[in-house]
PDB file of N, CA and C in Angstrom:
ATOM      1  N   MET A   1       2.276 -25.281  -6.963  1.00  0.00           N
ATOM      2  CA  MET A   1       3.329 -24.285  -7.121  1.00  0.00           C
ATOM      3  C   MET A   1       2.937 -23.745  -8.597  1.00  0.00           C
ATOM      4  N   SER A   2       3.093 -22.452  -8.626  1.00  0.00           N
ATOM      5  CA  SER A   2       2.850 -21.765  -9.861  1.00  0.00           C
ATOM      6  C   SER A   2       3.937 -22.217 -11.123  1.00  0.00           C
ATOM      7  N   ASP A   3       3.467 -22.144 -12.185  1.00  0.00           N
ATOM      8  CA  ASP A   3       4.319 -22.301 -13.376  1.00  0.00           C
ATOM      9  C   ASP A   3       4.728 -20.831 -13.920  1.00  0.00           C
ATOM     10  N   PHE A   4       5.865 -20.447 -13.638  1.00  0.00           N
ATOM     11  CA  PHE A   4       6.264 -19.095 -13.923  1.00  0.00           C
ATOM     12  C   PHE A   4       7.284 -19.041 -15.077  1.00  0.00           C
ATOM     13  N   LYS A   5       7.171 -18.125 -15.789  1.00  0.00           N
ATOM     14  CA  LYS A   5       8.178 -17.682 -16.746  1.00  0.00           C
ATOM     15  C   LYS A   5       9.371 -17.012 -16.039  1.00  0.00           C
ATOM     16  N   SER A   6      10.516 -16.846 -16.704  1.00  0.00           N
ATOM     17  CA  SER A   6      11.529 -15.951 -16.065  1.00  0.00           C
ATOM     18  C   SER A   6      11.154 -14.720 -15.736  1.00  0.00           C
ATOM     19  N   SER A   7      10.147 -14.180 -16.349  1.00  0.00           N
ATOM     20  CA  SER A   7       9.691 -12.757 -15.978  1.00  0.00           C
ATOM     21  C   SER A   7       8.983 -12.633 -14.596  1.00  0.00           C
ATOM     22  N   GLY A   8       8.643 -13.748 -14.016  1.00  0.00           N
ATOM     23  CA  GLY A   8       7.813 -13.763 -12.801  1.00  0.00           C
ATOM     24  C   GLY A   8       6.355 -13.836 -13.011  1.00  0.00           C
ATOM     25  N   VAL A   9       5.897 -13.701 -14.300  1.00  0.00           N
ATOM     26  CA  VAL A   9       4.512 -13.692 -14.548  1.00  0.00           C
ATOM     27  C   VAL A   9       3.949 -15.096 -14.727  1.00  0.00           C
ATOM     28  N   PRO A  10       2.870 -15.349 -14.052  1.00  0.00           N
ATOM     29  CA  PRO A  10       2.322 -16.792 -14.287  1.00  0.00           C
ATOM     30  C   PRO A  10       2.092 -17.116 -15.707  1.00  0.00           C
ATOM     31  N   LYS A  11       2.449 -18.215 -16.191  1.00  0.00           N
ATOM     32  CA  LYS A  11       2.221 -18.631 -17.599  1.00  0.00           C
ATOM     33  C   LYS A  11       0.693 -18.897 -17.929  1.00  0.00           C
ATOM     34  N   LEU A  12       0.057 -19.572 -16.911  1.00  0.00           N
ATOM     35  CA  LEU A  12      -1.242 -19.897 -17.134  1.00  0.00           C
ATOM     36  C   LEU A  12      -2.379 -18.760 -17.120  1.00  0.00           C
ATOM     37  N   LEU A  13      -1.897 -17.694 -16.481  1.00  0.00           N
ATOM     38  CA  LEU A  13      -2.746 -16.549 -16.341  1.00  0.00           C
ATOM     39  C   LEU A  13      -4.201 -16.821 -15.711  1.00  0.00           C
ATOM     40  N   GLU A  14      -3.920 -17.704 -14.611  1.00  0.00           N
ATOM     41  CA  GLU A  14      -5.288 -18.054 -13.837  1.00  0.00           C
ATOM     42  C   GLU A  14      -5.148 -17.628 -12.586  1.00  0.00           C
ATOM     43  N   ILE A  15      -6.281 -17.382 -11.880  1.00  0.00           N
ATOM     44  CA  ILE A  15      -6.378 -17.020 -10.546  1.00  0.00           C
ATOM     45  C   ILE A  15      -5.650 -18.037  -9.627  1.00  0.00           C
ATOM     46  N   GLU A  16      -4.757 -17.647  -8.802  1.00  0.00           N
ATOM     47  CA  GLU A  16      -4.008 -18.559  -7.995  1.00  0.00           C
ATOM     48  C   GLU A  16      -4.575 -18.516  -6.563  1.00  0.00           C
ATOM     49  N   LYS A  17      -5.024 -17.322  -6.179  1.00  0.00           N
ATOM     50  CA  LYS A  17      -5.574 -17.272  -4.867  1.00  0.00           C
ATOM     51  C   LYS A  17      -6.726 -16.343  -4.769  1.00  0.00           C
ATOM     52  N   LYS A  18      -7.775 -16.378  -3.811  1.00  0.00           N
ATOM     53  CA  LYS A  18      -8.748 -15.567  -3.764  1.00  0.00           C
ATOM     54  C   LYS A  18      -9.006 -15.243  -2.315  1.00  0.00           C
ATOM     55  N   PHE A  19      -9.254 -13.955  -2.040  1.00  0.00           N
ATOM     56  CA  PHE A  19      -9.498 -13.463  -0.623  1.00  0.00           C
ATOM     57  C   PHE A  19     -10.795 -12.723  -0.585  1.00  0.00           C
ATOM     58  N   ASP A  20     -11.585 -13.007   0.290  1.00  0.00           N
ATOM     59  CA  ASP A  20     -12.879 -12.256   0.491  1.00  0.00           C
ATOM     60  C   ASP A  20     -12.730 -11.354   1.564  1.00  0.00           C
ATOM     61  N   PHE A  21     -12.909 -10.077   1.301  1.00  0.00           N
ATOM     62  CA  PHE A  21     -12.883  -8.941   2.224  1.00  0.00           C
ATOM     63  C   PHE A  21     -14.233  -8.765   2.798  1.00  0.00           C
ATOM     64  N   ARG A  22     -14.186  -8.115   3.899  1.00  0.00           N
ATOM     65  CA  ARG A  22     -15.521  -7.942   4.633  1.00  0.00           C
ATOM     66  C   ARG A  22     -16.476  -6.950   3.770  1.00  0.00           C
ATOM     67  N   LEU A  23     -17.696  -7.008   3.811  1.00  0.00           N
ATOM     68  CA  LEU A  23     -18.661  -6.085   3.254  1.00  0.00           C
ATOM     69  C   LEU A  23     -18.434  -4.769   3.785  1.00  0.00           C
ATOM     70  N   GLY A  24     -18.253  -3.709   2.857  1.00  0.00           N
ATOM     71  CA  GLY A  24     -17.968  -2.402   3.339  1.00  0.00           C
ATOM     72  C   GLY A  24     -16.464  -1.921   3.309  1.00  0.00           C
ATOM     73  N   ASP A  25     -15.612  -2.923   3.135  1.00  0.00           N
ATOM     74  CA  ASP A  25     -14.110  -2.559   3.035  1.00  0.00           C
ATOM     75  C   ASP A  25     -14.012  -1.903   1.829  1.00  0.00           C
ATOM     76  N   ASP A  26     -13.356  -0.784   1.828  1.00  0.00           N
ATOM     77  CA  ASP A  26     -13.027  -0.039   0.621  1.00  0.00           C
ATOM     78  C   ASP A  26     -11.545   0.026   0.402  1.00  0.00           C
ATOM     79  N   LEU A  27     -11.279  -0.883  -0.558  1.00  0.00           N
ATOM     80  CA  LEU A  27      -9.730  -0.879  -0.877  1.00  0.00           C
ATOM     81  C   LEU A  27      -9.312   0.121  -1.909  1.00  0.00           C
ATOM     82  N   SER A  28      -8.199   0.545  -1.816  1.00  0.00           N
ATOM     83  CA  SER A  28      -7.679   1.405  -2.875  1.00  0.00           C
ATOM     84  C   SER A  28      -6.228   1.456  -2.882  1.00  0.00           C
ATOM     85  N   GLU A  29      -5.461   1.867  -3.898  1.00  0.00           N
ATOM     86  CA  GLU A  29      -4.111   2.194  -3.979  1.00  0.00           C
ATOM     87  C   GLU A  29      -3.324   0.833  -3.718  1.00  0.00           C
ATOM     88  N   VAL A  30      -3.658  -0.254  -4.296  1.00  0.00           N
ATOM     89  CA  VAL A  30      -2.838  -1.405  -4.136  1.00  0.00           C
ATOM     90  C   VAL A  30      -1.527  -1.418  -4.854  1.00  0.00           C
ATOM     91  N   GLN A  31      -0.494  -1.605  -4.013  1.00  0.00           N
ATOM     92  CA  GLN A  31       0.968  -1.495  -4.455  1.00  0.00           C
ATOM     93  C   GLN A  31       1.761  -2.829  -4.188  1.00  0.00           C
ATOM     94  N   ILE A  32       2.737  -2.967  -4.807  1.00  0.00           N
ATOM     95  CA  ILE A  32       3.828  -4.045  -4.413  1.00  0.00           C
ATOM     96  C   ILE A  32       5.208  -3.466  -4.338  1.00  0.00           C
ATOM     97  N   ASN A  33       5.972  -4.052  -3.465  1.00  0.00           N
ATOM     98  CA  ASN A  33       7.321  -3.574  -3.283  1.00  0.00           C
ATOM     99  C   ASN A  33       8.174  -4.151  -4.383  1.00  0.00           C
ATOM    100  N   ARG A  34       9.396  -3.614  -4.485  1.00  0.00           N
ATOM    101  CA  ARG A  34      10.231  -3.823  -5.586  1.00  0.00           C
ATOM    102  C   ARG A  34      10.642  -5.353  -5.696  1.00  0.00           C
ATOM    103  N   ALA A  35      10.636  -6.084  -4.485  1.00  0.00           N
ATOM    104  CA  ALA A  35      11.160  -7.480  -4.463  1.00  0.00           C
ATOM    105  C   ALA A  35       9.878  -8.321  -4.987  1.00  0.00           C
ATOM    106  N   GLY A  36       8.622  -7.724  -4.977  1.00  0.00           N
ATOM    107  CA  GLY A  36       7.524  -8.413  -5.388  1.00  0.00           C
ATOM    108  C   GLY A  36       6.921  -9.351  -4.518  1.00  0.00           C
ATOM    109  N   ASP A  37       7.293  -9.156  -3.271  1.00  0.00           N
ATOM    110  CA  ASP A  37       6.936 -10.226  -2.123  1.00  0.00           C
ATOM    111  C   ASP A  37       5.803  -9.661  -1.177  1.00  0.00           C
ATOM    112  N   THR A  38       5.534  -8.452  -1.228  1.00  0.00           N
ATOM    113  CA  THR A  38       4.610  -7.774  -0.322  1.00  0.00           C
ATOM    114  C   THR A  38       3.688  -6.868  -1.000  1.00  0.00           C
ATOM    115  N   LEU A  39       2.468  -7.001  -0.708  1.00  0.00           N
ATOM    116  CA  LEU A  39       1.401  -6.199  -1.270  1.00  0.00           C
ATOM    117  C   LEU A  39       1.039  -5.138  -0.140  1.00  0.00           C
ATOM    118  N   TYR A  40       0.671  -3.924  -0.513  1.00  0.00           N
ATOM    119  CA  TYR A  40       0.237  -2.830   0.453  1.00  0.00           C
ATOM    120  C   TYR A  40      -1.088  -2.381  -0.186  1.00  0.00           C
ATOM    121  N   TRP A  41      -2.074  -1.838   0.709  1.00  0.00           N
ATOM    122  CA  TRP A  41      -3.138  -1.107   0.210  1.00  0.00           C
ATOM    123  C   TRP A  41      -3.867  -0.266   1.283  1.00  0.00           C
ATOM    124  N   ILE A  42      -4.724   0.664   0.874  1.00  0.00           N
ATOM    125  CA  ILE A  42      -5.466   1.514   1.909  1.00  0.00           C
ATOM    126  C   ILE A  42      -6.757   0.846   1.944  1.00  0.00           C
ATOM    127  N   SER A  43      -7.283   0.746   3.202  1.00  0.00           N
ATOM    128  CA  SER A  43      -8.660   0.377   3.678  1.00  0.00           C
ATOM    129  C   SER A  43      -8.831   1.023   4.967  1.00  0.00           C
ATOM    130  N   ASP A  44      -9.007   2.376   4.849  1.00  0.00           N
ATOM    131  CA  ASP A  44      -8.952   3.337   6.079  1.00  0.00           C
ATOM    132  C   ASP A  44      -7.463   3.377   6.645  1.00  0.00           C
ATOM    133  N   ASP A  45      -7.043   2.180   6.987  1.00  0.00           N
ATOM    134  CA  ASP A  45      -5.490   2.137   7.457  1.00  0.00           C
ATOM    135  C   ASP A  45      -4.710   1.582   6.396  1.00  0.00           C
ATOM    136  N   ILE A  46      -3.456   1.488   6.638  1.00  0.00           N
ATOM    137  CA  ILE A  46      -2.551   0.883   5.693  1.00  0.00           C
ATOM    138  C   ILE A  46      -2.234  -0.625   5.944  1.00  0.00           C
ATOM    139  N   TRP A  47      -2.457  -1.468   4.985  1.00  0.00           N
ATOM    140  CA  TRP A  47      -2.381  -2.984   5.194  1.00  0.00           C
ATOM    141  C   TRP A  47      -1.281  -3.495   4.446  1.00  0.00           C
ATOM    142  N   ALA A  48      -0.558  -4.600   4.893  1.00  0.00           N
ATOM    143  CA  ALA A  48       0.517  -5.181   4.111  1.00  0.00           C
ATOM    144  C   ALA A  48       0.245  -6.651   4.221  1.00  0.00           C
ATOM    145  N   MET A  49       0.696  -7.385   3.190  1.00  0.00           N
ATOM    146  CA  MET A  49       0.424  -8.785   3.231  1.00  0.00           C
ATOM    147  C   MET A  49       1.529  -9.439   2.278  1.00  0.00           C
ATOM    148  N   ASP A  50       2.113 -10.523   2.806  1.00  0.00           N
ATOM    149  CA  ASP A  50       3.073 -11.304   1.995  1.00  0.00           C
ATOM    150  C   ASP A  50       2.332 -11.970   0.804  1.00  0.00           C
ATOM    151  N   VAL A  51       2.777 -11.939  -0.373  1.00  0.00           N
ATOM    152  CA  VAL A  51       2.165 -12.488  -1.446  1.00  0.00           C
ATOM    153  C   VAL A  51       1.891 -14.064  -1.375  1.00  0.00           C
ATOM    154  N   THR A  52       2.559 -14.627  -0.464  1.00  0.00           N
ATOM    155  CA  THR A  52       2.480 -16.138  -0.396  1.00  0.00           C
ATOM    156  C   THR A  52       1.521 -16.418   0.907  1.00  0.00           C
ATOM    157  N   ALA A  53       0.917 -15.350   1.594  1.00  0.00           N
ATOM    158  CA  ALA A  53       0.087 -15.546   2.695  1.00  0.00           C
ATOM    159  C   ALA A  53      -1.237 -16.449   2.240  1.00  0.00           C
ATOM    160  N   ASP A  54      -1.864 -17.141   3.171  1.00  0.00           N
ATOM    161  CA  ASP A  54      -2.958 -17.887   2.908  1.00  0.00           C
ATOM    162  C   ASP A  54      -4.236 -17.245   3.394  1.00  0.00           C
ATOM    163  N   ARG A  55      -4.014 -16.120   4.186  1.00  0.00           N
ATOM    164  CA  ARG A  55      -5.262 -15.420   4.678  1.00  0.00           C
ATOM    165  C   ARG A  55      -4.787 -13.944   4.874  1.00  0.00           C
ATOM    166  N   LEU A  56      -5.821 -13.129   4.823  1.00  0.00           N
ATOM    167  CA  LEU A  56      -5.773 -11.683   4.930  1.00  0.00           C
ATOM    168  C   LEU A  56      -5.153 -11.241   6.352  1.00  0.00           C
ATOM    169  N   PRO A  57      -4.397 -10.256   6.480  1.00  0.00           N
ATOM    170  CA  PRO A  57      -3.947  -9.797   7.779  1.00  0.00           C
ATOM    171  C   PRO A  57      -5.104  -9.301   8.710  1.00  0.00           C
ATOM    172  N   VAL A  58      -4.933  -9.494   9.987  1.00  0.00           N
ATOM    173  CA  VAL A  58      -5.837  -9.144  11.033  1.00  0.00           C
ATOM    174  C   VAL A  58      -5.551  -7.753  11.601  1.00  0.00           C
ATOM    175  N   LYS A  59      -4.353  -7.223  11.306  1.00  0.00           N
ATOM    176  CA  LYS A  59      -4.006  -5.966  11.853  1.00  0.00           C
ATOM    177  C   LYS A  59      -3.198  -5.093  10.812  1.00  0.00           C
ATOM    178  N   PRO A  60      -3.571  -3.787  10.834  1.00  0.00           N
ATOM    179  CA  PRO A  60      -2.803  -2.998   9.851  1.00  0.00           C
ATOM    180  C   PRO A  60      -1.441  -2.734  10.192  1.00  0.00           C
ATOM    181  N   ILE A  61      -0.633  -2.469   9.126  1.00  0.00           N
ATOM    182  CA  ILE A  61       0.839  -2.009   9.415  1.00  0.00           C
ATOM    183  C   ILE A  61       0.980  -0.723   9.845  1.00  0.00           C
ATOM    184  N   ILE A  62      -0.020   0.162   9.388  1.00  0.00           N
ATOM    185  CA  ILE A  62       0.006   1.640   9.805  1.00  0.00           C
ATOM    186  C   ILE A  62      -1.455   1.949  10.087  1.00  0.00           C
ATOM    187  N   SER A  63      -1.831   2.442  11.330  1.00  0.00           N
ATOM    188  CA  SER A  63      -3.269   2.828  11.664  1.00  0.00           C
ATOM    189  C   SER A  63      -3.405   4.300  11.055  1.00  0.00           C
ATOM    190  N   SER A  64      -4.585   4.507  10.779  1.00  0.00           N
ATOM    191  CA  SER A  64      -5.028   5.877  10.138  1.00  0.00           C
ATOM    192  C   SER A  64      -4.949   7.195  11.206  1.00  0.00           C
ATOM    193  N   ARG A  65      -5.074   6.928  12.383  1.00  0.00           N
ATOM    194  CA  ARG A  65      -5.009   7.991  13.309  1.00  0.00           C
ATOM    195  C   ARG A  65      -6.027   9.200  13.044  1.00  0.00           C
ATOM    196  N   GLY A  66      -7.110   8.718  12.332  1.00  0.00           N
ATOM    197  CA  GLY A  66      -8.161   9.671  12.052  1.00  0.00           C
ATOM    198  C   GLY A  66      -7.731  10.549  10.900  1.00  0.00           C
ATOM    199  N   THR A  67      -6.936  10.112  10.166  1.00  0.00           N
ATOM    200  CA  THR A  67      -6.512  10.892   8.893  1.00  0.00           C
ATOM    201  C   THR A  67      -7.300  10.316   7.691  1.00  0.00           C
ATOM    202  N   ILE A  68      -7.153  11.012   6.576  1.00  0.00           N
ATOM    203  CA  ILE A  68      -7.937  10.544   5.261  1.00  0.00           C
ATOM    204  C   ILE A  68      -6.732  10.173   4.405  1.00  0.00           C
ATOM    205  N   TYR A  69      -6.286   8.722   4.422  1.00  0.00           N
ATOM    206  CA  TYR A  69      -5.264   8.375   3.586  1.00  0.00           C
ATOM    207  C   TYR A  69      -5.791   8.363   2.134  1.00  0.00           C
ATOM    208  N   TYR A  70      -5.173   8.943   1.215  1.00  0.00           N
ATOM    209  CA  TYR A  70      -5.627   9.238  -0.084  1.00  0.00           C
ATOM    210  C   TYR A  70      -4.678   8.739  -1.089  1.00  0.00           C
ATOM    211  N   GLY A  71      -3.482   8.503  -0.841  1.00  0.00           N
ATOM    212  CA  GLY A  71      -2.415   7.945  -1.741  1.00  0.00           C
ATOM    213  C   GLY A  71      -1.433   7.111  -1.127  1.00  0.00           C
ATOM    214  N   LEU A  72      -0.891   6.202  -1.847  1.00  0.00           N
ATOM    215  CA  LEU A  72       0.154   5.117  -1.375  1.00  0.00           C
ATOM    216  C   LEU A  72       1.164   4.832  -2.323  1.00  0.00           C
ATOM    217  N   THR A  73       2.467   4.649  -1.937  1.00  0.00           N
ATOM    218  CA  THR A  73       3.473   4.165  -2.832  1.00  0.00           C
ATOM    219  C   THR A  73       4.504   3.572  -2.072  1.00  0.00           C
ATOM    220  N   VAL A  74       5.316   2.670  -2.621  1.00  0.00           N
ATOM    221  CA  VAL A  74       6.433   2.099  -1.967  1.00  0.00           C
ATOM    222  C   VAL A  74       7.666   2.426  -2.801  1.00  0.00           C
ATOM    223  N   SER A  75       8.658   2.984  -2.056  1.00  0.00           N
ATOM    224  CA  SER A  75       9.847   3.457  -2.708  1.00  0.00           C
ATOM    225  C   SER A  75      10.598   2.240  -3.466  1.00  0.00           C
ATOM    226  N   PRO A  76      10.899   2.306  -4.728  1.00  0.00           N
ATOM    227  CA  PRO A  76      11.591   1.220  -5.375  1.00  0.00           C
ATOM    228  C   PRO A  76      13.115   1.051  -4.923  1.00  0.00           C
ATOM    229  N   GLU A  77      13.640   2.081  -4.345  1.00  0.00           N
ATOM    230  CA  GLU A  77      14.903   2.090  -3.870  1.00  0.00           C
ATOM    231  C   GLU A  77      15.238   1.446  -2.677  1.00  0.00           C
ATOM    232  N   ASN A  78      14.395   1.813  -1.618  1.00  0.00           N
ATOM    233  CA  ASN A  78      14.660   1.262  -0.271  1.00  0.00           C
ATOM    234  C   ASN A  78      13.429   0.643   0.519  1.00  0.00           C
ATOM    235  N   GLY A  79      12.218   0.512  -0.237  1.00  0.00           N
ATOM    236  CA  GLY A  79      11.069  -0.061   0.371  1.00  0.00           C
ATOM    237  C   GLY A  79      10.286   0.836   1.430  1.00  0.00           C
ATOM    238  N   ASP A  80      10.734   2.085   1.466  1.00  0.00           N
ATOM    239  CA  ASP A  80       9.926   3.041   2.385  1.00  0.00           C
ATOM    240  C   ASP A  80       8.483   3.161   1.785  1.00  0.00           C
ATOM    241  N   ILE A  81       7.532   3.221   2.833  1.00  0.00           N
ATOM    242  CA  ILE A  81       6.230   3.438   2.406  1.00  0.00           C
ATOM    243  C   ILE A  81       5.777   4.958   2.572  1.00  0.00           C
ATOM    244  N   TYR A  82       5.215   5.553   1.574  1.00  0.00           N
ATOM    245  CA  TYR A  82       4.830   6.848   1.529  1.00  0.00           C
ATOM    246  C   TYR A  82       3.232   6.944   1.441  1.00  0.00           C
ATOM    247  N   VAL A  83       2.677   7.644   2.383  1.00  0.00           N
ATOM    248  CA  VAL A  83       1.338   7.748   2.492  1.00  0.00           C
ATOM    249  C   VAL A  83       0.855   9.079   2.311  1.00  0.00           C
ATOM    250  N   ALA A  84      -0.068   9.480   1.483  1.00  0.00           N
ATOM    251  CA  ALA A  84      -0.533  10.853   1.269  1.00  0.00           C
ATOM    252  C   ALA A  84      -1.811  10.962   2.104  1.00  0.00           C
ATOM    253  N   ASP A  85      -1.970  11.999   2.960  1.00  0.00           N
ATOM    254  CA  ASP A  85      -3.097  12.341   3.714  1.00  0.00           C
ATOM    255  C   ASP A  85      -3.769  13.638   3.162  1.00  0.00           C
ATOM    256  N   ALA A  86      -4.981  13.515   2.638  1.00  0.00           N
ATOM    257  CA  ALA A  86      -5.721  14.602   2.039  1.00  0.00           C
ATOM    258  C   ALA A  86      -6.275  15.764   3.109  1.00  0.00           C
ATOM    259  N   VAL A  87      -6.058  15.421   4.415  1.00  0.00           N
ATOM    260  CA  VAL A  87      -6.476  16.223   5.525  1.00  0.00           C
ATOM    261  C   VAL A  87      -7.954  16.471   5.454  1.00  0.00           C
ATOM    262  N   ASP A  88      -8.348  17.700   4.867  1.00  0.00           N
ATOM    263  CA  ASP A  88      -9.836  17.909   4.646  1.00  0.00           C
ATOM    264  C   ASP A  88     -10.243  18.395   3.304  1.00  0.00           C
ATOM    265  N   TYR A  89      -9.326  17.893   2.386  1.00  0.00           N
ATOM    266  CA  TYR A  89      -9.565  18.337   0.947  1.00  0.00           C
ATOM    267  C   TYR A  89      -9.585  19.764   0.509  1.00  0.00           C
ATOM    268  N   SER A  90      -9.181  20.688   1.519  1.00  0.00           N
ATOM    269  CA  SER A  90      -9.336  22.048   1.191  1.00  0.00           C
ATOM    270  C   SER A  90      -7.917  22.765   1.829  1.00  0.00           C
ATOM    271  N   GLN A  91      -7.121  22.186   2.579  1.00  0.00           N
ATOM    272  CA  GLN A  91      -5.838  22.714   2.854  1.00  0.00           C
ATOM    273  C   GLN A  91      -4.770  21.847   2.471  1.00  0.00           C
ATOM    274  N   GLN A  92      -3.490  22.352   2.731  1.00  0.00           N
ATOM    275  CA  GLN A  92      -2.357  21.526   2.425  1.00  0.00           C
ATOM    276  C   GLN A  92      -2.462  20.032   2.993  1.00  0.00           C
ATOM    277  N   GLY A  93      -2.051  19.160   2.196  1.00  0.00           N
ATOM    278  CA  GLY A  93      -2.035  17.688   2.563  1.00  0.00           C
ATOM    279  C   GLY A  93      -0.663  17.471   3.230  1.00  0.00           C
ATOM    280  N   MET A  94      -0.580  16.136   3.653  1.00  0.00           N
ATOM    281  CA  MET A  94       0.562  15.688   4.363  1.00  0.00           C
ATOM    282  C   MET A  94       1.047  14.366   3.710  1.00  0.00           C
ATOM    283  N   ILE A  95       2.349  14.183   3.636  1.00  0.00           N
ATOM    284  CA  ILE A  95       2.945  12.991   3.236  1.00  0.00           C
ATOM    285  C   ILE A  95       3.656  12.337   4.464  1.00  0.00           C
ATOM    286  N   TYR A  96       3.342  11.143   4.818  1.00  0.00           N
ATOM    287  CA  TYR A  96       3.983  10.456   5.962  1.00  0.00           C
ATOM    288  C   TYR A  96       4.927   9.260   5.267  1.00  0.00           C
ATOM    289  N   ARG A  97       6.200   9.360   5.796  1.00  0.00           N
ATOM    290  CA  ARG A  97       6.996   8.294   5.321  1.00  0.00           C
ATOM    291  C   ARG A  97       7.347   7.322   6.485  1.00  0.00           C
ATOM    292  N   TYR A  98       7.168   6.013   6.040  1.00  0.00           N
ATOM    293  CA  TYR A  98       7.402   4.970   7.050  1.00  0.00           C
ATOM    294  C   TYR A  98       8.426   3.882   6.499  1.00  0.00           C
ATOM    295  N   SER A  99       9.043   3.263   7.339  1.00  0.00           N
ATOM    296  CA  SER A  99       9.935   2.161   6.873  1.00  0.00           C
ATOM    297  C   SER A  99       9.068   1.001   6.456  1.00  0.00           C
ATOM    298  N   ALA A 100       9.549  -0.032   5.890  1.00  0.00           N
ATOM    299  CA  ALA A 100       8.937  -1.158   5.320  1.00  0.00           C
ATOM    300  C   ALA A 100       8.189  -2.031   6.418  1.00  0.00           C
ATOM    301  N   THR A 101       8.606  -1.718   7.727  1.00  0.00           N
ATOM    302  CA  THR A 101       7.896  -2.386   8.768  1.00  0.00           C
ATOM    303  C   THR A 101       6.961  -1.484   9.473  1.00  0.00           C
ATOM    304  N   GLY A 102       6.719  -0.216   8.921  1.00  0.00           N
ATOM    305  CA  GLY A 102       5.532   0.511   9.492  1.00  0.00           C
ATOM    306  C   GLY A 102       5.998   1.514  10.534  1.00  0.00           C
ATOM    307  N   GLU A 103       7.336   1.743  10.823  1.00  0.00           N
ATOM    308  CA  GLU A 103       7.727   2.657  11.643  1.00  0.00           C
ATOM    309  C   GLU A 103       7.816   4.143  11.069  1.00  0.00           C
ATOM    310  N   GLU A 104       7.112   5.029  11.695  1.00  0.00           N
ATOM    311  CA  GLU A 104       7.161   6.418  11.125  1.00  0.00           C
ATOM    312  C   GLU A 104       8.497   7.028  11.065  1.00  0.00           C
ATOM    313  N   LEU A 105       8.996   7.546   9.876  1.00  0.00           N
ATOM    314  CA  LEU A 105      10.340   8.150   9.750  1.00  0.00           C
ATOM    315  C   LEU A 105      10.233   9.732   9.718  1.00  0.00           C
ATOM    316  N   ASP A 106       9.385  10.177   8.970  1.00  0.00           N
ATOM    317  CA  ASP A 106       9.230  11.659   8.931  1.00  0.00           C
ATOM    318  C   ASP A 106       7.804  11.967   8.225  1.00  0.00           C
ATOM    319  N   SER A 107       7.513  13.196   8.179  1.00  0.00           N
ATOM    320  CA  SER A 107       6.312  13.803   7.406  1.00  0.00           C
ATOM    321  C   SER A 107       6.612  15.246   6.898  1.00  0.00           C
ATOM    322  N   PHE A 108       5.744  15.608   5.919  1.00  0.00           N
ATOM    323  CA  PHE A 108       6.038  16.967   5.370  1.00  0.00           C
ATOM    324  C   PHE A 108       4.734  17.394   4.615  1.00  0.00           C
ATOM    325  N   TYR A 109       4.619  18.702   4.588  1.00  0.00           N
ATOM    326  CA  TYR A 109       3.495  19.358   3.932  1.00  0.00           C
ATOM    327  C   TYR A 109       3.665  19.345   2.397  1.00  0.00           C
ATOM    328  N   VAL A 110       2.489  19.242   1.769  1.00  0.00           N
ATOM    329  CA  VAL A 110       2.443  19.170   0.293  1.00  0.00           C
ATOM    330  C   VAL A 110       1.317  20.082  -0.260  1.00  0.00           C
ATOM    331  N   GLY A 111       1.006  19.926  -1.451  1.00  0.00           N
ATOM    332  CA  GLY A 111      -0.205  20.645  -1.856  1.00  0.00           C
ATOM    333  C   GLY A 111      -1.513  20.078  -1.430  1.00  0.00           C
ATOM    334  N   ILE A 112      -2.596  20.780  -1.977  1.00  0.00           N
ATOM    335  CA  ILE A 112      -3.968  20.252  -1.624  1.00  0.00           C
ATOM    336  C   ILE A 112      -4.323  18.848  -2.340  1.00  0.00           C
ATOM    337  N   ILE A 113      -4.871  18.071  -1.521  1.00  0.00           N
ATOM    338  CA  ILE A 113      -5.397  16.742  -2.013  1.00  0.00           C
ATOM    339  C   ILE A 113      -4.240  15.890  -2.675  1.00  0.00           C
ATOM    340  N   PRO A 114      -3.135  15.647  -2.040  1.00  0.00           N
ATOM    341  CA  PRO A 114      -2.128  14.739  -2.642  1.00  0.00           C
ATOM    342  C   PRO A 114      -2.525  13.303  -2.743  1.00  0.00           C
ATOM    343  N   GLY A 115      -2.415  12.835  -3.982  1.00  0.00           N
ATOM    344  CA  GLY A 115      -2.958  11.506  -4.169  1.00  0.00           C
ATOM    345  C   GLY A 115      -2.099  10.633  -5.081  1.00  0.00           C
ATOM    346  N   ALA A 116      -1.101  11.152  -5.717  1.00  0.00           N
ATOM    347  CA  ALA A 116      -0.299  10.266  -6.641  1.00  0.00           C
ATOM    348  C   ALA A 116       1.159  10.573  -6.455  1.00  0.00           C
ATOM    349  N   PHE A 117       1.947   9.520  -6.716  1.00  0.00           N
ATOM    350  CA  PHE A 117       3.441   9.526  -6.734  1.00  0.00           C
ATOM    351  C   PHE A 117       3.841   9.145  -7.943  1.00  0.00           C
ATOM    352  N   CYS A 118       5.342   9.682  -8.154  1.00  0.00           N
ATOM    353  CA  CYS A 118       5.937   9.273  -9.330  1.00  0.00           C
ATOM    354  C   CYS A 118       7.403   9.060  -8.984  1.00  0.00           C
ATOM    355  N   TRP A 119       7.992   7.959  -9.500  1.00  0.00           N
ATOM    356  CA  TRP A 119       9.373   7.620  -9.165  1.00  0.00           C
ATOM    357  C   TRP A 119      10.078   7.556 -10.543  1.00  0.00           C
ATOM    358  N   ARG A 120      11.319   8.125 -10.540  1.00  0.00           N
ATOM    359  CA  ARG A 120      12.112   8.107 -11.828  1.00  0.00           C
ATOM    360  C   ARG A 120      13.479   7.485 -11.418  1.00  0.00           C
TER     361      ARG A 120
END
């Protein structure tokens, strides 16, 4: 068991777990939900993993459907997952909003090459 301060940060600052991804996996946009119990990332698809898991997931939470996922965030308010699709890098991009369980809720057009999100 980890030795945690009240802030939730490990006191020892040591690696607690290590996961080996497949050669060629291109991970980006690693995010964590507000509760701090689920990690999300892009590697073609959108992947989710409980922070206490002992192995990597075998199935994505959201499949790419031939899109170019370029940005990712998790709402600090309700845990919804927002995914930015760059489309073809020259026309309007799309934002897809999913529930924390990966159910598509809605989508909308945005500017060219959406890739960053900001919460206030």
